[in-house]
């Protein structure tokens, strides 16, 4: 029987602070499902992004995830995360996935808009430019449906995609090769 590789949560959003007109963060509930129910069109300029309500934080029994007070986006403490997946289930935006703990290179964007629309929605959105795909020596990065996707089986964490991404949508979870 093959041993299961340890997994950790990955939030596919860098976060931002640009809210839609008329929405005040202080007036929002501390529950992402309630925020989504009240604002089905989203609360931010990027409708695909983290709602910042903290449902994932409340669901985590290990205290491994918290919402950054400045960027209003969930952040994972990889040292505390046990890969239980409760945060994945708690996120109504479907922004959290479990990835092999050894894979530190992550696409931190879930925006499904293309090029100019993605660029307008968030300064860190993936615009599907393909730079990451071209610089990856292992062929582990592909642009699929206008967004970078990393094949965890092929990625060797060289960081080329993270350092060359013009938008900062690809991150090194260890913070070693981060551009932004």
Foldseek 3Di string as FASTA:
>chain_A
DDDDFFKFKDFQAPFADAFDPPDDLVPDALAQVRNCVVPVCDGHLQRLFANLSCQLCVQDPQNQWHQDPPRSHIDGNLVRGRQPCSSCVRGPSNRMDIDRSQDQKDQNHDRLDAAPSQVVRDLQHQRLPCPLCVQDPQNQWDQDSRGIDGNNVRDPPPCPSQQPRPRNRIDGNVRPRHPD
